[in-house]
Amino acid sequence: MRDPNYWVQYAMAHLSHKSLDYAKKHLETAKNLAKNIENYNTDSIDTQTARLYLLLSLQETDQNKIFQSFKEAHDLLIKISNTIYRYRQVLIYKDFYDVAYTRLSTKNKVNFKACCEEMKKELEEYRAKNSNNWVSENCYEFLQKIT
């Protein structure tokens, strides 16, 4: 199958079942196929890759790798289009906070909060232009508490 979206959908199924190694493989396939398609919008690939990194960060035990995975996810999400699809993944920031925040170094706790502040500003722009929904409401509520 040469359609990157096929591999993104396949990866999403694996992400839902926490089969992260398979998801990573399929997302890499999607990214490689997309490189060969002129002007291919990789937002869906990047969104799901960010989701993968967030889920990996929740399983990680090394405090530096925990934040590294989170930051890779955040950097991908910040660069994609400011749509609801971004914020579906930002909901995982709350899980990260609940599961991994206490294991971060002081420096990375500050960095995490800075990422949350950056995302909150992006979300405020999104909310100013779009009707609110449960995803944006829940994201905003959480980001408001953190920052």
C-alpha atoms as a PDB file:
ATOM      1  CA  MET A   1       0.000   0.000   0.000  1.00  0.00           C
ATOM      2  CA  ARG A   2       1.519   3.311  -1.086  1.00  0.00           C
ATOM      3  CA  ASP A   3      -0.981   5.653   0.577  1.00  0.00           C
ATOM      4  CA  PRO A   4       0.538   7.272   3.697  1.00  0.00           C
ATOM      5  CA  ASN A   5      -2.927   7.668   5.218  1.00  0.00           C
ATOM      6  CA  TYR A   6      -3.385   3.884   5.195  1.00  0.00           C
ATOM      7  CA  TRP A   7      -0.296   3.528   7.387  1.00  0.00           C
ATOM      8  CA  VAL A   8      -1.387   6.373   9.676  1.00  0.00           C
ATOM      9  CA  GLN A   9      -4.730   4.642  10.229  1.00  0.00           C
ATOM     10  CA  TYR A  10      -2.968   1.335  10.863  1.00  0.00           C
ATOM     11  CA  ALA A  11      -0.656   3.063  13.368  1.00  0.00           C
ATOM     12  CA  MET A  12      -3.652   4.643  15.107  1.00  0.00           C
ATOM     13  CA  ALA A  13      -5.145   1.194  15.649  1.00  0.00           C
ATOM     14  CA  HIS A  14      -1.890   0.047  17.235  1.00  0.00           C
ATOM     15  CA  LEU A  15      -1.702   3.190  19.385  1.00  0.00           C
ATOM     16  CA  SER A  16      -5.189   2.470  20.699  1.00  0.00           C
ATOM     17  CA  HIS A  17      -3.985  -0.947  21.834  1.00  0.00           C
ATOM     18  CA  LYS A  18      -0.675   0.424  23.180  1.00  0.00           C
ATOM     19  CA  SER A  19       1.311  -1.561  20.581  1.00  0.00           C
ATOM     20  CA  LEU A  20       3.798   1.266  20.367  1.00  0.00           C
ATOM     21  CA  ASP A  21       6.560  -0.542  18.460  1.00  0.00           C
ATOM     22  CA  TYR A  22       4.172  -1.449  15.638  1.00  0.00           C
ATOM     23  CA  ALA A  23       2.705   2.048  15.635  1.00  0.00           C
ATOM     24  CA  LYS A  24       6.180   3.561  15.330  1.00  0.00           C
ATOM     25  CA  LYS A  25       7.019   1.299  12.397  1.00  0.00           C
ATOM     26  CA  HIS A  26       3.807   2.216  10.552  1.00  0.00           C
ATOM     27  CA  LEU A  27       4.260   5.940  11.188  1.00  0.00           C
ATOM     28  CA  GLU A  28       7.793   5.736   9.800  1.00  0.00           C
ATOM     29  CA  THR A  29       6.399   4.007   6.706  1.00  0.00           C
ATOM     30  CA  ALA A  30       3.780   6.745   6.317  1.00  0.00           C
ATOM     31  CA  LYS A  31       6.418   9.473   6.670  1.00  0.00           C
ATOM     32  CA  ASN A  32       8.700   7.814   4.097  1.00  0.00           C
ATOM     33  CA  LEU A  33       5.854   7.428   1.606  1.00  0.00           C
ATOM     34  CA  ALA A  34       4.744  11.020   2.162  1.00  0.00           C
ATOM     35  CA  LYS A  35       8.235  12.287   1.307  1.00  0.00           C
ATOM     36  CA  ASN A  36       7.712  10.991  -2.231  1.00  0.00           C
ATOM     37  CA  ILE A  37       4.424  12.864  -2.718  1.00  0.00           C
ATOM     38  CA  GLU A  38       4.807  16.494  -3.698  1.00  0.00           C
ATOM     39  CA  ASN A  39       3.198  18.949  -1.239  1.00  0.00           C
ATOM     40  CA  TYR A  40       1.856  16.162   0.978  1.00  0.00           C
ATOM     41  CA  ASN A  41       0.482  17.598   4.223  1.00  0.00           C
ATOM     42  CA  THR A  42       2.038  15.554   7.024  1.00  0.00           C
ATOM     43  CA  ASP A  43      -0.121  16.971   9.844  1.00  0.00           C
ATOM     44  CA  SER A  44      -1.899  13.648  10.418  1.00  0.00           C
ATOM     45  CA  ILE A  45       1.408  11.769  10.502  1.00  0.00           C
ATOM     46  CA  ASP A  46       2.949  14.333  12.841  1.00  0.00           C
ATOM     47  CA  THR A  47      -0.123  14.351  15.081  1.00  0.00           C
ATOM     48  CA  GLN A  48      -0.013  10.597  15.532  1.00  0.00           C
ATOM     49  CA  THR A  49       3.774  10.602  15.927  1.00  0.00           C
ATOM     50  CA  ALA A  50       3.314  13.138  18.721  1.00  0.00           C
ATOM     51  CA  ARG A  51       0.720  10.841  20.265  1.00  0.00           C
ATOM     52  CA  LEU A  52       3.254   7.998  20.083  1.00  0.00           C
ATOM     53  CA  TYR A  53       5.925  10.101  21.815  1.00  0.00           C
ATOM     54  CA  LEU A  54       3.487  11.129  24.544  1.00  0.00           C
ATOM     55  CA  LEU A  55       2.520   7.512  25.178  1.00  0.00           C
ATOM     56  CA  LEU A  56       6.197   6.508  25.216  1.00  0.00           C
ATOM     57  CA  SER A  57       6.925   9.244  27.758  1.00  0.00           C
ATOM     58  CA  LEU A  58       4.316   7.742  30.080  1.00  0.00           C
ATOM     59  CA  GLN A  59       6.125   4.381  30.024  1.00  0.00           C
ATOM     60  CA  GLU A  60       9.660   5.740  30.371  1.00  0.00           C
ATOM     61  CA  THR A  61      11.497   5.536  33.698  1.00  0.00           C
ATOM     62  CA  ASP A  62      14.606   7.642  32.986  1.00  0.00           C
ATOM     63  CA  GLN A  63      13.755  11.252  33.930  1.00  0.00           C
ATOM     64  CA  ASN A  64      15.688  12.756  31.017  1.00  0.00           C
ATOM     65  CA  LYS A  65      14.126  10.412  28.475  1.00  0.00           C
ATOM     66  CA  ILE A  66      10.680  11.084  29.943  1.00  0.00           C
ATOM     67  CA  PHE A  67      10.957  14.770  29.160  1.00  0.00           C
ATOM     68  CA  GLN A  68      12.797  14.198  25.874  1.00  0.00           C
ATOM     69  CA  SER A  69       9.859  12.142  24.548  1.00  0.00           C
ATOM     70  CA  PHE A  70       7.378  14.709  25.821  1.00  0.00           C
ATOM     71  CA  LYS A  71       9.329  17.566  24.208  1.00  0.00           C
ATOM     72  CA  GLU A  72       9.537  15.770  20.860  1.00  0.00           C
ATOM     73  CA  ALA A  73       5.753  15.401  20.959  1.00  0.00           C
ATOM     74  CA  HIS A  74       5.229  19.021  21.945  1.00  0.00           C
ATOM     75  CA  ASP A  75       7.530  20.288  19.187  1.00  0.00           C
ATOM     76  CA  LEU A  76       5.601  18.290  16.582  1.00  0.00           C
ATOM     77  CA  LEU A  77       2.240  19.506  17.860  1.00  0.00           C
ATOM     78  CA  ILE A  78       3.283  23.145  17.998  1.00  0.00           C
ATOM     79  CA  LYS A  79       4.357  23.111  14.336  1.00  0.00           C
ATOM     80  CA  ILE A  80       1.209  21.561  12.851  1.00  0.00           C
ATOM     81  CA  SER A  81      -1.966  23.411  11.925  1.00  0.00           C
ATOM     82  CA  ASN A  82      -3.882  24.874  14.856  1.00  0.00           C
ATOM     83  CA  THR A  83      -6.873  22.519  14.644  1.00  0.00           C
ATOM     84  CA  ILE A  84      -8.854  20.323  16.992  1.00  0.00           C
ATOM     85  CA  TYR A  85      -6.710  17.323  15.967  1.00  0.00           C
ATOM     86  CA  ARG A  86      -3.763  18.906  17.753  1.00  0.00           C
ATOM     87  CA  TYR A  87      -5.714  19.296  20.979  1.00  0.00           C
ATOM     88  CA  ARG A  88      -6.912  15.706  21.038  1.00  0.00           C
ATOM     89  CA  GLN A  89      -3.266  14.834  21.666  1.00  0.00           C
ATOM     90  CA  VAL A  90      -2.737  17.717  24.083  1.00  0.00           C
ATOM     91  CA  LEU A  91      -5.288  15.995  26.321  1.00  0.00           C
ATOM     92  CA  ILE A  92      -2.484  13.482  26.987  1.00  0.00           C
ATOM     93  CA  TYR A  93      -0.499  16.303  28.646  1.00  0.00           C
ATOM     94  CA  LYS A  94      -2.777  15.784  31.654  1.00  0.00           C
ATOM     95  CA  ASP A  95      -1.848  12.092  31.775  1.00  0.00           C
ATOM     96  CA  PHE A  96       1.796  13.108  31.522  1.00  0.00           C
ATOM     97  CA  TYR A  97       1.345  15.522  34.413  1.00  0.00           C
ATOM     98  CA  ASP A  98      -0.425  12.889  36.521  1.00  0.00           C
ATOM     99  CA  VAL A  99       2.024  10.066  35.760  1.00  0.00           C
ATOM    100  CA  ALA A 100       5.418  11.580  34.995  1.00  0.00           C
ATOM    101  CA  TYR A 101       5.663  15.141  36.301  1.00  0.00           C
ATOM    102  CA  THR A 102       6.904  14.184  39.779  1.00  0.00           C
ATOM    103  CA  ARG A 103       9.752  12.184  38.204  1.00  0.00           C
ATOM    104  CA  LEU A 104      11.088  15.162  36.244  1.00  0.00           C
ATOM    105  CA  SER A 105      14.108  17.193  37.271  1.00  0.00           C
ATOM    106  CA  THR A 106      13.416  20.709  38.539  1.00  0.00           C
ATOM    107  CA  LYS A 107      14.642  22.101  35.208  1.00  0.00           C
ATOM    108  CA  ASN A 108      12.339  19.833  33.208  1.00  0.00           C
ATOM    109  CA  LYS A 109       9.373  20.683  35.444  1.00  0.00           C
ATOM    110  CA  VAL A 110       9.931  24.322  34.489  1.00  0.00           C
ATOM    111  CA  ASN A 111      10.298  23.310  30.829  1.00  0.00           C
ATOM    112  CA  PHE A 112       7.072  21.291  30.972  1.00  0.00           C
ATOM    113  CA  LYS A 113       5.170  24.267  32.365  1.00  0.00           C
ATOM    114  CA  ALA A 114       6.644  26.479  29.632  1.00  0.00           C
ATOM    115  CA  CYS A 115       5.390  24.025  27.014  1.00  0.00           C
ATOM    116  CA  CYS A 116       1.955  24.107  28.634  1.00  0.00           C
ATOM    117  CA  GLU A 117       1.983  27.910  28.586  1.00  0.00           C
ATOM    118  CA  GLU A 118       2.945  27.920  24.912  1.00  0.00           C
ATOM    119  CA  MET A 119       0.166  25.470  24.088  1.00  0.00           C
ATOM    120  CA  LYS A 120      -2.347  27.452  26.145  1.00  0.00           C
ATOM    121  CA  LYS A 121      -1.605  30.555  24.059  1.00  0.00           C
ATOM    122  CA  GLU A 122      -2.108  28.537  20.884  1.00  0.00           C
ATOM    123  CA  LEU A 123      -5.362  27.168  22.270  1.00  0.00           C
ATOM    124  CA  GLU A 124      -6.587  30.662  23.107  1.00  0.00           C
ATOM    125  CA  GLU A 125      -6.055  31.613  19.449  1.00  0.00           C
ATOM    126  CA  TYR A 126      -7.926  28.488  18.357  1.00  0.00           C
ATOM    127  CA  ARG A 127     -10.828  29.186  20.720  1.00  0.00           C
ATOM    128  CA  ALA A 128     -11.115  32.793  19.518  1.00  0.00           C
ATOM    129  CA  LYS A 129     -11.766  31.552  15.969  1.00  0.00           C
ATOM    130  CA  ASN A 130     -13.688  28.321  16.593  1.00  0.00           C
ATOM    131  CA  SER A 131     -16.658  27.207  18.608  1.00  0.00           C
ATOM    132  CA  ASN A 132     -15.737  25.504  21.834  1.00  0.00           C
ATOM    133  CA  ASN A 133     -16.111  21.759  22.232  1.00  0.00           C
ATOM    134  CA  TRP A 134     -15.290  19.263  24.939  1.00  0.00           C
ATOM    135  CA  VAL A 135     -11.724  18.758  23.678  1.00  0.00           C
ATOM    136  CA  SER A 136     -10.810  22.440  23.696  1.00  0.00           C
ATOM    137  CA  GLU A 137     -12.666  23.001  26.974  1.00  0.00           C
ATOM    138  CA  ASN A 138     -10.881  20.132  28.748  1.00  0.00           C
ATOM    139  CA  CYS A 139      -7.501  21.154  27.346  1.00  0.00           C
ATOM    140  CA  TYR A 140      -7.973  24.748  28.362  1.00  0.00           C
ATOM    141  CA  GLU A 141      -9.146  23.830  31.850  1.00  0.00           C
ATOM    142  CA  PHE A 142      -6.089  21.636  32.407  1.00  0.00           C
ATOM    143  CA  LEU A 143      -3.590  24.073  30.881  1.00  0.00           C
ATOM    144  CA  GLN A 144      -5.092  26.882  32.959  1.00  0.00           C
ATOM    145  CA  LYS A 145      -4.457  24.894  36.159  1.00  0.00           C
ATOM    146  CA  ILE A 146      -0.863  24.089  35.219  1.00  0.00           C
ATOM    147  CA  THR A 147       0.251  27.553  34.102  1.00  0.00           C
END
